[in-house]
Structure formats: structure tokens, C-alpha cells
Amino acid sequence: MHADVHHLLHTVAAAELHSRTGEFRLPRADLRTRVGWTLVEVGLRLTAQGRDAAATRAAAFRPA
């Protein structure tokens, strides 16, 4: 098969698949928003735990 014919067939197949994707799209904006805020919440919890643990270690340390 010639490269030009192969490229043309690939272009036609890709265009057909691309036109059919609209039927199967999921509402991703809501999912992205929920995942993003979940990651922010987890990050804030991790930093708060780290801050509390560091404060506990600093309070336990008493110089001689």
C-alpha cells in the first residue's frame, strides 16, 4: 500500500471516529471539579497533620 493511500485511509477513519465521539462524551467538568477539590482537601489535611506533629516535637524538646 502506498503511503499516500494509507495516510488518506487513516485520515478518513480518524475523522469518522472523531465525529462519533460526541455521542459518548461524559460530563467531565463535574468530575474534574470534584477530584480537584478532593485533592485540595487531602493536601490541606496533610499539611495540618504535619504542622501539628512538628509542634508536638518542638514542645517535647527542652534544651538542657
N, C-alpha and C. Protein backbone atom coordinates (compact mmCIF):
# COMPACT_ATOMS: atom_id res chain seq x y z
N MET A 1 0.85 -1.17 0.00
CA MET A 1 0.00 0.00 0.00
C MET A 1 0.90 1.24 0.00
N HIS A 2 0.55 2.17 -0.83
CA HIS A 2 1.32 3.41 -0.91
C HIS A 2 1.08 4.25 0.33
N ALA A 3 2.07 5.03 0.67
CA ALA A 3 1.99 5.86 1.87
C ALA A 3 0.85 6.87 1.77
N ASP A 4 0.64 7.42 0.58
CA ASP A 4 -0.43 8.41 0.41
C ASP A 4 -1.81 7.79 0.65
N VAL A 5 -2.00 6.57 0.14
CA VAL A 5 -3.28 5.88 0.31
C VAL A 5 -3.49 5.52 1.78
N HIS A 6 -2.43 5.04 2.42
CA HIS A 6 -2.51 4.70 3.84
C HIS A 6 -2.86 5.94 4.67
N HIS A 7 -2.22 7.05 4.36
CA HIS A 7 -2.49 8.30 5.09
C HIS A 7 -3.93 8.76 4.86
N LEU A 8 -4.41 8.66 3.63
CA LEU A 8 -5.78 9.06 3.31
C LEU A 8 -6.79 8.18 4.07
N LEU A 9 -6.57 6.86 4.09
CA LEU A 9 -7.47 5.98 4.81
C LEU A 9 -7.45 6.26 6.31
N HIS A 10 -6.29 6.52 6.83
CA HIS A 10 -6.18 6.85 8.26
C HIS A 10 -6.91 8.17 8.58
N THR A 11 -6.76 9.15 7.71
CA THR A 11 -7.43 10.43 7.92
C THR A 11 -8.94 10.29 7.89
N VAL A 12 -9.44 9.48 6.97
CA VAL A 12 -10.89 9.26 6.87
C VAL A 12 -11.40 8.52 8.11
N ALA A 13 -10.68 7.49 8.54
CA ALA A 13 -11.10 6.72 9.71
C ALA A 13 -11.05 7.59 10.97
N ALA A 14 -10.02 8.41 11.10
CA ALA A 14 -9.90 9.28 12.27
C ALA A 14 -11.01 10.32 12.28
N ALA A 15 -11.36 10.87 11.14
CA ALA A 15 -12.44 11.86 11.07
C ALA A 15 -13.78 11.22 11.44
N GLU A 16 -14.00 9.99 10.99
CA GLU A 16 -15.24 9.30 11.34
C GLU A 16 -15.33 9.03 12.84
N LEU A 17 -14.24 8.56 13.42
CA LEU A 17 -14.24 8.31 14.86
C LEU A 17 -14.42 9.61 15.65
N HIS A 18 -13.77 10.66 15.18
CA HIS A 18 -13.87 11.94 15.86
C HIS A 18 -15.30 12.48 15.81
N SER A 19 -15.99 12.29 14.70
CA SER A 19 -17.36 12.78 14.59
C SER A 19 -18.32 11.98 15.47
N ARG A 20 -18.00 10.72 15.75
CA ARG A 20 -18.86 9.88 16.58
C ARG A 20 -18.60 10.05 18.07
N THR A 21 -17.55 10.74 18.47
CA THR A 21 -17.24 10.86 19.89
C THR A 21 -18.24 11.73 20.64
N GLY A 22 -18.91 12.62 19.97
CA GLY A 22 -19.90 13.46 20.62
C GLY A 22 -21.04 12.67 21.26
N GLU A 23 -21.33 11.51 20.72
CA GLU A 23 -22.39 10.67 21.25
C GLU A 23 -22.03 10.07 22.60
N PHE A 24 -20.75 9.89 22.84
CA PHE A 24 -20.30 9.15 24.01
C PHE A 24 -19.58 10.00 25.04
N ARG A 25 -19.63 11.29 24.91
CA ARG A 25 -18.90 12.15 25.86
C ARG A 25 -19.58 12.17 27.22
N LEU A 26 -18.77 12.11 28.24
CA LEU A 26 -19.26 12.18 29.62
C LEU A 26 -19.08 13.61 30.13
N PRO A 27 -19.92 14.03 31.07
CA PRO A 27 -19.74 15.37 31.64
C PRO A 27 -18.51 15.38 32.54
N ARG A 28 -17.36 15.70 31.98
CA ARG A 28 -16.11 15.61 32.71
C ARG A 28 -15.83 16.81 33.59
N ALA A 29 -16.47 17.93 33.34
CA ALA A 29 -16.19 19.13 34.13
C ALA A 29 -16.55 18.91 35.60
N ASP A 30 -17.67 18.26 35.86
CA ASP A 30 -18.07 18.00 37.23
C ASP A 30 -17.08 17.06 37.92
N LEU A 31 -16.66 16.03 37.20
CA LEU A 31 -15.72 15.08 37.76
C LEU A 31 -14.38 15.75 38.06
N ARG A 32 -13.91 16.57 37.14
CA ARG A 32 -12.65 17.27 37.35
C ARG A 32 -12.73 18.20 38.56
N THR A 33 -13.84 18.87 38.70
CA THR A 33 -14.01 19.78 39.83
C THR A 33 -14.00 19.02 41.14
N ARG A 34 -14.74 17.91 41.20
CA ARG A 34 -14.78 17.12 42.44
C ARG A 34 -13.42 16.54 42.79
N VAL A 35 -12.72 16.01 41.79
CA VAL A 35 -11.39 15.44 42.04
C VAL A 35 -10.43 16.53 42.47
N GLY A 36 -10.50 17.69 41.85
CA GLY A 36 -9.62 18.80 42.21
C GLY A 36 -9.82 19.24 43.64
N TRP A 37 -11.06 19.43 44.05
CA TRP A 37 -11.32 19.87 45.42
C TRP A 37 -10.98 18.78 46.43
N THR A 38 -11.14 17.52 46.04
CA THR A 38 -10.75 16.43 46.93
C THR A 38 -9.24 16.45 47.15
N LEU A 39 -8.48 16.69 46.09
CA LEU A 39 -7.03 16.77 46.23
C LEU A 39 -6.62 17.96 47.09
N VAL A 40 -7.31 19.07 46.96
CA VAL A 40 -7.02 20.24 47.79
C VAL A 40 -7.30 19.90 49.26
N GLU A 41 -8.41 19.25 49.51
CA GLU A 41 -8.75 18.88 50.89
C GLU A 41 -7.73 17.93 51.49
N VAL A 42 -7.31 16.94 50.72
CA VAL A 42 -6.30 15.99 51.20
C VAL A 42 -4.99 16.71 51.48
N GLY A 43 -4.60 17.61 50.60
CA GLY A 43 -3.38 18.37 50.81
C GLY A 43 -3.44 19.23 52.06
N LEU A 44 -4.57 19.87 52.30
CA LEU A 44 -4.72 20.69 53.50
C LEU A 44 -4.67 19.84 54.76
N ARG A 45 -5.28 18.66 54.70
CA ARG A 45 -5.22 17.77 55.87
C ARG A 45 -3.79 17.30 56.14
N LEU A 46 -3.06 16.99 55.08
CA LEU A 46 -1.68 16.54 55.26
C LEU A 46 -0.80 17.64 55.83
N THR A 47 -0.99 18.87 55.37
CA THR A 47 -0.17 19.96 55.91
C THR A 47 -0.56 20.26 57.35
N ALA A 48 -1.84 20.14 57.69
CA ALA A 48 -2.26 20.38 59.07
C ALA A 48 -1.69 19.31 60.00
N GLN A 49 -1.68 18.07 59.55
CA GLN A 49 -1.11 16.99 60.36
C GLN A 49 0.39 17.20 60.54
N GLY A 50 1.06 17.62 59.50
CA GLY A 50 2.49 17.87 59.59
C GLY A 50 2.80 19.01 60.54
N ARG A 51 1.97 20.04 60.53
CA ARG A 51 2.17 21.19 61.41
C ARG A 51 1.95 20.79 62.87
N ASP A 52 0.90 19.99 63.13
CA ASP A 52 0.62 19.53 64.49
C ASP A 52 1.73 18.63 65.01
N ALA A 53 2.23 17.75 64.15
CA ALA A 53 3.30 16.84 64.56
C ALA A 53 4.58 17.61 64.85
N ALA A 54 4.87 18.64 64.07
CA ALA A 54 6.07 19.44 64.29
C ALA A 54 5.94 20.24 65.59
N ALA A 55 4.74 20.73 65.89
CA ALA A 55 4.52 21.47 67.13
C ALA A 55 4.69 20.55 68.35
N THR A 56 4.23 19.32 68.24
CA THR A 56 4.38 18.36 69.33
C THR A 56 5.85 18.04 69.58
N ARG A 57 6.62 17.85 68.51
CA ARG A 57 8.04 17.57 68.67
C ARG A 57 8.76 18.77 69.26
N ALA A 58 8.39 19.98 68.85
CA ALA A 58 9.05 21.18 69.35
C ALA A 58 8.73 21.38 70.83
N ALA A 59 7.50 21.05 71.25
CA ALA A 59 7.12 21.22 72.66
C ALA A 59 7.83 20.18 73.53
N ALA A 60 8.10 19.00 72.98
CA ALA A 60 8.75 17.95 73.75
C ALA A 60 10.25 18.22 73.91
N PHE A 61 10.83 19.02 73.01
CA PHE A 61 12.26 19.30 73.07
C PHE A 61 12.53 20.40 74.08
N ARG A 62 13.35 20.10 75.05
CA ARG A 62 13.74 21.11 76.05
C ARG A 62 15.26 21.13 76.12
N PRO A 63 15.84 22.25 75.80
CA PRO A 63 17.31 22.31 75.86
C PRO A 63 17.78 22.24 77.32
N ALA A 64 18.94 21.67 77.48
CA ALA A 64 19.47 21.49 78.83
C ALA A 64 20.06 22.77 79.38
